PDB file of N, CA and C in Angstrom:
ATOM      1  N   MET A   1      27.599   0.009  10.772  1.00  0.00           N
ATOM      2  CA  MET A   1      26.803  -0.256  11.454  1.00  0.00           C
ATOM      3  C   MET A   1      25.971  -1.504  11.663  1.00  0.00           C
ATOM      4  N   PHE A   2      25.466  -2.040  13.025  1.00  0.00           N
ATOM      5  CA  PHE A   2      25.790  -3.194  13.327  1.00  0.00           C
ATOM      6  C   PHE A   2      23.604  -3.377  13.139  1.00  0.00           C
ATOM      7  N   VAL A   3      23.540  -4.727  12.357  1.00  0.00           N
ATOM      8  CA  VAL A   3      22.113  -5.243  12.738  1.00  0.00           C
ATOM      9  C   VAL A   3      22.286  -6.599  13.475  1.00  0.00           C
ATOM     10  N   PRO A   4      21.229  -6.294  14.210  1.00  0.00           N
ATOM     11  CA  PRO A   4      20.645  -7.448  15.022  1.00  0.00           C
ATOM     12  C   PRO A   4      20.701  -8.648  14.484  1.00  0.00           C
ATOM     13  N   ALA A   5      20.510 -10.154  14.479  1.00  0.00           N
ATOM     14  CA  ALA A   5      20.337 -11.087  13.234  1.00  0.00           C
ATOM     15  C   ALA A   5      19.055 -11.192  13.488  1.00  0.00           C
ATOM     16  N   ARG A   6      18.141 -11.167  14.317  1.00  0.00           N
ATOM     17  CA  ARG A   6      16.984 -11.320  14.207  1.00  0.00           C
ATOM     18  C   ARG A   6      16.076 -10.955  12.907  1.00  0.00           C
ATOM     19  N   SER A   7      16.731  -9.009  12.285  1.00  0.00           N
ATOM     20  CA  SER A   7      15.883  -8.846  11.356  1.00  0.00           C
ATOM     21  C   SER A   7      16.324  -9.487  10.060  1.00  0.00           C
ATOM     22  N   LEU A   8      17.351 -10.135   9.957  1.00  0.00           N
ATOM     23  CA  LEU A   8      17.333 -11.296   8.873  1.00  0.00           C
ATOM     24  C   LEU A   8      16.389 -12.341   9.310  1.00  0.00           C
ATOM     25  N   VAL A   9      16.174 -12.631  10.033  1.00  0.00           N
ATOM     26  CA  VAL A   9      14.872 -13.798  10.590  1.00  0.00           C
ATOM     27  C   VAL A   9      14.172 -13.400   9.732  1.00  0.00           C
ATOM     28  N   ALA A  10      13.462 -11.867  10.142  1.00  0.00           N
ATOM     29  CA  ALA A  10      12.227 -11.127   9.645  1.00  0.00           C
ATOM     30  C   ALA A  10      12.095 -11.158   8.198  1.00  0.00           C
ATOM     31  N   LEU A  11      13.361 -10.917   7.415  1.00  0.00           N
ATOM     32  CA  LEU A  11      13.450 -10.938   6.193  1.00  0.00           C
ATOM     33  C   LEU A  11      13.335 -12.334   5.591  1.00  0.00           C
ATOM     34  N   GLY A  12      13.213 -13.074   6.410  1.00  0.00           N
ATOM     35  CA  GLY A  12      12.813 -14.725   5.887  1.00  0.00           C
ATOM     36  C   GLY A  12      14.526 -15.151   5.370  1.00  0.00           C
ATOM     37  N   MET A  13      15.669 -14.501   6.089  1.00  0.00           N
ATOM     38  CA  MET A  13      16.570 -15.128   5.504  1.00  0.00           C
ATOM     39  C   MET A  13      17.187 -16.673   6.102  1.00  0.00           C
ATOM     40  N   THR A  14      17.233 -17.508   5.848  1.00  0.00           N
ATOM     41  CA  THR A  14      17.800 -18.827   7.091  1.00  0.00           C
ATOM     42  C   THR A  14      19.296 -18.687   6.197  1.00  0.00           C
ATOM     43  N   LEU A  15      19.736 -19.158   7.014  1.00  0.00           N
ATOM     44  CA  LEU A  15      21.482 -19.407   6.671  1.00  0.00           C
ATOM     45  C   LEU A  15      21.841 -20.037   5.482  1.00  0.00           C
ATOM     46  N   LYS A  16      21.207 -20.826   4.780  1.00  0.00           N
ATOM     47  CA  LYS A  16      21.037 -21.798   3.791  1.00  0.00           C
ATOM     48  C   LYS A  16      20.912 -21.076   2.690  1.00  0.00           C
ATOM     49  N   LYS A  17      19.875 -19.935   2.912  1.00  0.00           N
ATOM     50  CA  LYS A  17      19.412 -19.094   1.711  1.00  0.00           C
ATOM     51  C   LYS A  17      20.383 -18.497   1.568  1.00  0.00           C
ATOM     52  N   LEU A  18      21.037 -17.985   2.726  1.00  0.00           N
ATOM     53  CA  LEU A  18      22.224 -16.984   3.032  1.00  0.00           C
ATOM     54  C   LEU A  18      23.470 -17.439   1.850  1.00  0.00           C
ATOM     55  N   ARG A  19      23.642 -18.904   1.956  1.00  0.00           N
ATOM     56  CA  ARG A  19      24.825 -19.066   1.570  1.00  0.00           C
ATOM     57  C   ARG A  19      24.520 -19.179   0.297  1.00  0.00           C
ATOM     58  N   ILE A  20      23.231 -19.671  -0.607  1.00  0.00           N
ATOM     59  CA  ILE A  20      22.944 -19.518  -1.819  1.00  0.00           C
ATOM     60  C   ILE A  20      23.176 -18.336  -2.593  1.00  0.00           C
ATOM     61  N   THR A  21      22.536 -17.243  -1.569  1.00  0.00           N
ATOM     62  CA  THR A  21      22.623 -15.681  -2.534  1.00  0.00           C
ATOM     63  C   THR A  21      24.083 -15.468  -1.870  1.00  0.00           C
ATOM     64  N   ALA A  22      25.210 -15.744  -1.468  1.00  0.00           N
ATOM     65  CA  ALA A  22      26.537 -16.159  -1.560  1.00  0.00           C
ATOM     66  C   ALA A  22      26.949 -15.967  -2.634  1.00  0.00           C
ATOM     67  N   LYS A  23      26.842 -17.304  -2.955  1.00  0.00           N
ATOM     68  CA  LYS A  23      27.209 -18.337  -4.154  1.00  0.00           C
ATOM     69  C   LYS A  23      27.178 -17.498  -5.768  1.00  0.00           C
ATOM     70  N   LYS A  24      25.903 -16.883  -5.092  1.00  0.00           N
ATOM     71  CA  LYS A  24      25.489 -15.938  -6.307  1.00  0.00           C
ATOM     72  C   LYS A  24      26.220 -14.901  -6.334  1.00  0.00           C
ATOM     73  N   LEU A  25      26.199 -14.034  -5.261  1.00  0.00           N
ATOM     74  CA  LEU A  25      27.004 -12.878  -5.551  1.00  0.00           C
ATOM     75  C   LEU A  25      28.637 -13.029  -5.658  1.00  0.00           C
ATOM     76  N   GLY A  26      28.951 -14.382  -5.618  1.00  0.00           N
ATOM     77  CA  GLY A  26      30.341 -14.779  -5.340  1.00  0.00           C
ATOM     78  C   GLY A  26      31.112 -13.987  -3.918  1.00  0.00           C
ATOM     79  N   ARG A  27      30.228 -14.000  -3.027  1.00  0.00           N
ATOM     80  CA  ARG A  27      31.013 -13.800  -1.665  1.00  0.00           C
ATOM     81  C   ARG A  27      31.090 -14.708  -0.954  1.00  0.00           C
ATOM     82  N   THR A  28      31.453 -14.129   0.439  1.00  0.00           N
ATOM     83  CA  THR A  28      31.331 -15.278   1.452  1.00  0.00           C
ATOM     84  C   THR A  28      30.170 -14.886   2.095  1.00  0.00           C
ATOM     85  N   ALA A  29      29.606 -15.860   3.015  1.00  0.00           N
ATOM     86  CA  ALA A  29      28.126 -15.628   3.474  1.00  0.00           C
ATOM     87  C   ALA A  29      27.815 -14.458   4.332  1.00  0.00           C
ATOM     88  N   LYS A  30      29.160 -14.011   5.098  1.00  0.00           N
ATOM     89  CA  LYS A  30      28.923 -13.097   5.897  1.00  0.00           C
ATOM     90  C   LYS A  30      29.259 -11.424   4.911  1.00  0.00           C
ATOM     91  N   LYS A  31      29.925 -11.470   4.122  1.00  0.00           N
ATOM     92  CA  LYS A  31      29.986 -10.557   3.538  1.00  0.00           C
ATOM     93  C   LYS A  31      28.254 -10.555   2.714  1.00  0.00           C
ATOM     94  N   ALA A  32      27.825 -11.595   2.341  1.00  0.00           N
ATOM     95  CA  ALA A  32      26.357 -11.078   1.756  1.00  0.00           C
ATOM     96  C   ALA A  32      25.253 -10.551   2.606  1.00  0.00           C
ATOM     97  N   ARG A  33      25.762 -11.141   4.122  1.00  0.00           N
ATOM     98  CA  ARG A  33      24.814 -10.764   4.920  1.00  0.00           C
ATOM     99  C   ARG A  33      24.786  -9.587   5.374  1.00  0.00           C
ATOM    100  N   THR A  34      26.039  -9.014   5.550  1.00  0.00           N
ATOM    101  CA  THR A  34      25.925  -7.450   5.630  1.00  0.00           C
ATOM    102  C   THR A  34      25.155  -6.759   4.469  1.00  0.00           C
ATOM    103  N   ALA A  35      25.448  -6.763   3.541  1.00  0.00           N
ATOM    104  CA  ALA A  35      25.375  -6.517   2.054  1.00  0.00           C
ATOM    105  C   ALA A  35      23.499  -6.583   2.187  1.00  0.00           C
ATOM    106  N   ILE A  36      22.909  -7.707   2.436  1.00  0.00           N
ATOM    107  CA  ILE A  36      21.633  -7.929   2.589  1.00  0.00           C
ATOM    108  C   ILE A  36      20.715  -6.948   3.435  1.00  0.00           C
ATOM    109  N   GLU A  37      21.858  -7.159   4.719  1.00  0.00           N
ATOM    110  CA  GLU A  37      21.309  -6.011   5.651  1.00  0.00           C
ATOM    111  C   GLU A  37      21.277  -4.766   5.192  1.00  0.00           C
ATOM    112  N   LYS A  38      22.416  -4.304   4.716  1.00  0.00           N
ATOM    113  CA  LYS A  38      22.527  -2.664   4.726  1.00  0.00           C
ATOM    114  C   LYS A  38      21.278  -2.084   3.173  1.00  0.00           C
ATOM    115  N   ARG A  39      21.047  -3.457   2.438  1.00  0.00           N
ATOM    116  CA  ARG A  39      20.164  -3.037   1.324  1.00  0.00           C
ATOM    117  C   ARG A  39      18.791  -2.832   2.394  1.00  0.00           C
ATOM    118  N   HIS A  40      18.571  -3.721   2.867  1.00  0.00           N
ATOM    119  CA  HIS A  40      17.292  -3.508   3.749  1.00  0.00           C
ATOM    120  C   HIS A  40      17.073  -2.601   4.541  1.00  0.00           C
ATOM    121  N   LEU A  41      18.144  -1.983   4.996  1.00  0.00           N
ATOM    122  CA  LEU A  41      17.899  -0.803   6.231  1.00  0.00           C
ATOM    123  C   LEU A  41      17.755   0.328   5.228  1.00  0.00           C
ATOM    124  N   SER A  42      18.180   0.342   4.214  1.00  0.00           N
ATOM    125  CA  SER A  42      17.885   1.297   3.190  1.00  0.00           C
ATOM    126  C   SER A  42      16.476   1.438   2.501  1.00  0.00           C
ATOM    127  N   PHE A  43      16.342   0.284   2.641  1.00  0.00           N
ATOM    128  CA  PHE A  43      14.708   0.078   2.488  1.00  0.00           C
ATOM    129  C   PHE A  43      14.191   1.041   3.024  1.00  0.00           C
ATOM    130  N   LEU A  44      14.304  -0.078   4.209  1.00  0.00           N
ATOM    131  CA  LEU A  44      13.363   0.701   5.548  1.00  0.00           C
ATOM    132  C   LEU A  44      13.601   1.811   5.697  1.00  0.00           C
ATOM    133  N   ARG A  45      14.267   2.504   5.328  1.00  0.00           N
ATOM    134  CA  ARG A  45      14.299   3.978   5.433  1.00  0.00           C
ATOM    135  C   ARG A  45      13.288   4.745   4.227  1.00  0.00           C
ATOM    136  N   ARG A  46      13.752   4.470   3.381  1.00  0.00           N
ATOM    137  CA  ARG A  46      12.815   4.755   2.221  1.00  0.00           C
ATOM    138  C   ARG A  46      11.503   4.915   2.447  1.00  0.00           C
ATOM    139  N   THR A  47      10.996   3.169   2.939  1.00  0.00           N
ATOM    140  CA  THR A  47       9.755   3.005   2.930  1.00  0.00           C
ATOM    141  C   THR A  47       8.767   3.695   4.328  1.00  0.00           C
ATOM    142  N   GLY A  48       9.713   3.267   5.803  1.00  0.00           N
ATOM    143  CA  GLY A  48       9.531   3.413   6.513  1.00  0.00           C
ATOM    144  C   GLY A  48       8.609   1.962   7.112  1.00  0.00           C
ATOM    145  N   PRO A  49       9.334   1.543   8.631  1.00  0.00           N
ATOM    146  CA  PRO A  49       8.547   0.719   8.863  1.00  0.00           C
ATOM    147  C   PRO A  49       7.386  -0.272   8.948  1.00  0.00           C
ATOM    148  N   GLY A  50       7.001  -0.880   7.975  1.00  0.00           N
ATOM    149  CA  GLY A  50       5.964  -1.915   7.835  1.00  0.00           C
ATOM    150  C   GLY A  50       5.236  -2.451   9.313  1.00  0.00           C
ATOM    151  N   PRO A  51       4.237  -2.921   9.483  1.00  0.00           N
ATOM    152  CA  PRO A  51       3.807  -3.674  10.757  1.00  0.00           C
ATOM    153  C   PRO A  51       5.013  -5.109  10.819  1.00  0.00           C
ATOM    154  N   GLY A  52       5.254  -4.813  12.480  1.00  0.00           N
ATOM    155  CA  GLY A  52       6.120  -6.006  11.870  1.00  0.00           C
ATOM    156  C   GLY A  52       7.584  -5.963  11.763  1.00  0.00           C
ATOM    157  N   GLU A  53       7.950  -4.809  11.159  1.00  0.00           N
ATOM    158  CA  GLU A  53       9.199  -4.443  10.686  1.00  0.00           C
ATOM    159  C   GLU A  53      10.312  -3.656  11.548  1.00  0.00           C
ATOM    160  N   ILE A  54       9.740  -3.252  13.235  1.00  0.00           N
ATOM    161  CA  ILE A  54      10.561  -2.331  13.986  1.00  0.00           C
ATOM    162  C   ILE A  54      11.219  -3.784  14.361  1.00  0.00           C
ATOM    163  N   PHE A  55      12.744  -3.540  14.457  1.00  0.00           N
ATOM    164  CA  PHE A  55      13.181  -4.544  15.250  1.00  0.00           C
ATOM    165  C   PHE A  55      14.071  -3.211  15.963  1.00  0.00           C
ATOM    166  N   LYS A  56      14.692  -3.919  17.379  1.00  0.00           N
ATOM    167  CA  LYS A  56      15.350  -2.838  18.318  1.00  0.00           C
ATOM    168  C   LYS A  56      16.799  -2.695  17.501  1.00  0.00           C
ATOM    169  N   GLY A  57      17.358  -1.824  17.572  1.00  0.00           N
ATOM    170  CA  GLY A  57      18.439  -1.298  17.293  1.00  0.00           C
ATOM    171  C   GLY A  57      18.771  -0.991  15.474  1.00  0.00           C
ATOM    172  N   THR A  58      17.365  -1.405  14.716  1.00  0.00           N
ATOM    173  CA  THR A  58      17.703  -1.346  13.306  1.00  0.00           C
ATOM    174  C   THR A  58      17.466   0.363  12.892  1.00  0.00           C
ATOM    175  N   LEU A  59      16.170   0.466  13.112  1.00  0.00           N
ATOM    176  CA  LEU A  59      15.984   1.690  13.000  1.00  0.00           C
ATOM    177  C   LEU A  59      17.106   3.204  13.501  1.00  0.00           C
ATOM    178  N   THR A  60      17.716   3.607  12.689  1.00  0.00           N
ATOM    179  CA  THR A  60      18.337   4.539  12.812  1.00  0.00           C
ATOM    180  C   THR A  60      17.825   6.025  12.927  1.00  0.00           C
TER     181      THR A  60
END
Protein backbone atom coordinates (compact mmCIF):
# COMPACT_ATOMS: atom_id res chain seq x y z
CA MET A 1 0.00 0.00 0.00
CA PHE A 2 1.50 3.30 -1.09
CA VAL A 3 0.93 6.35 1.05
CA PRO A 4 1.62 9.84 -0.28
CA ALA A 5 4.42 11.70 1.44
CA ARG A 6 2.12 14.52 2.48
CA SER A 7 0.50 12.24 5.03
CA LEU A 8 3.90 12.09 6.69
CA VAL A 9 4.11 15.86 6.65
CA ALA A 10 0.72 15.93 8.31
CA LEU A 11 2.16 13.58 10.90
CA GLY A 12 4.80 16.18 11.57
CA MET A 13 7.57 13.87 10.47
CA THR A 14 10.35 15.79 8.82
CA LEU A 15 13.10 13.85 7.12
CA LYS A 16 15.46 14.66 9.95
CA LYS A 17 13.02 13.31 12.52
CA LEU A 18 12.57 10.25 10.35
CA ARG A 19 16.29 9.59 10.25
CA ILE A 20 16.50 9.91 14.01
CA THR A 21 13.60 7.51 14.40
CA ALA A 22 15.23 5.20 11.89
CA LYS A 23 18.44 5.14 13.89
CA LYS A 24 16.49 4.36 17.03
CA LEU A 25 14.75 1.51 15.29
CA GLY A 26 17.99 0.40 13.67
CA ARG A 27 16.54 0.68 10.19
CA THR A 28 17.02 2.73 7.09
CA ALA A 29 14.97 5.89 6.87
CA LYS A 30 12.88 4.42 4.07
CA LYS A 31 11.93 1.34 6.07
CA ALA A 32 11.17 3.46 9.10
CA ARG A 33 9.01 5.68 6.94
CA THR A 34 6.89 2.80 5.71
CA ALA A 35 6.63 1.41 9.22
CA ILE A 36 5.48 4.75 10.57
CA GLU A 37 3.00 5.13 7.72
CA LYS A 38 1.56 1.68 8.37
CA ARG A 39 1.21 2.46 12.05
CA HIS A 40 -0.47 5.75 11.21
CA LEU A 41 -2.81 4.03 8.77
CA SER A 42 -3.95 1.41 11.26
CA PHE A 43 -4.41 4.17 13.83
CA LEU A 44 -6.52 6.11 11.34
CA ARG A 45 -8.62 3.07 10.61
CA ARG A 46 -9.31 2.44 14.29
CA THR A 47 -10.20 5.97 15.28
CA GLY A 48 -11.52 7.33 12.03
CA PRO A 49 -10.02 10.46 10.51
CA GLY A 50 -9.98 13.56 12.65
CA PRO A 51 -10.24 17.06 11.20
CA GLY A 52 -7.42 17.64 8.75
CA GLU A 53 -6.55 13.98 8.63
CA ILE A 54 -8.11 13.10 5.32
CA PHE A 55 -5.39 12.62 2.71
CA LYS A 56 -5.92 11.59 -0.87
CA GLY A 57 -5.18 7.91 -1.23
CA THR A 58 -4.68 7.35 2.48
CA LEU A 59 -8.05 6.02 3.54
CA THR A 60 -8.87 2.65 2.06
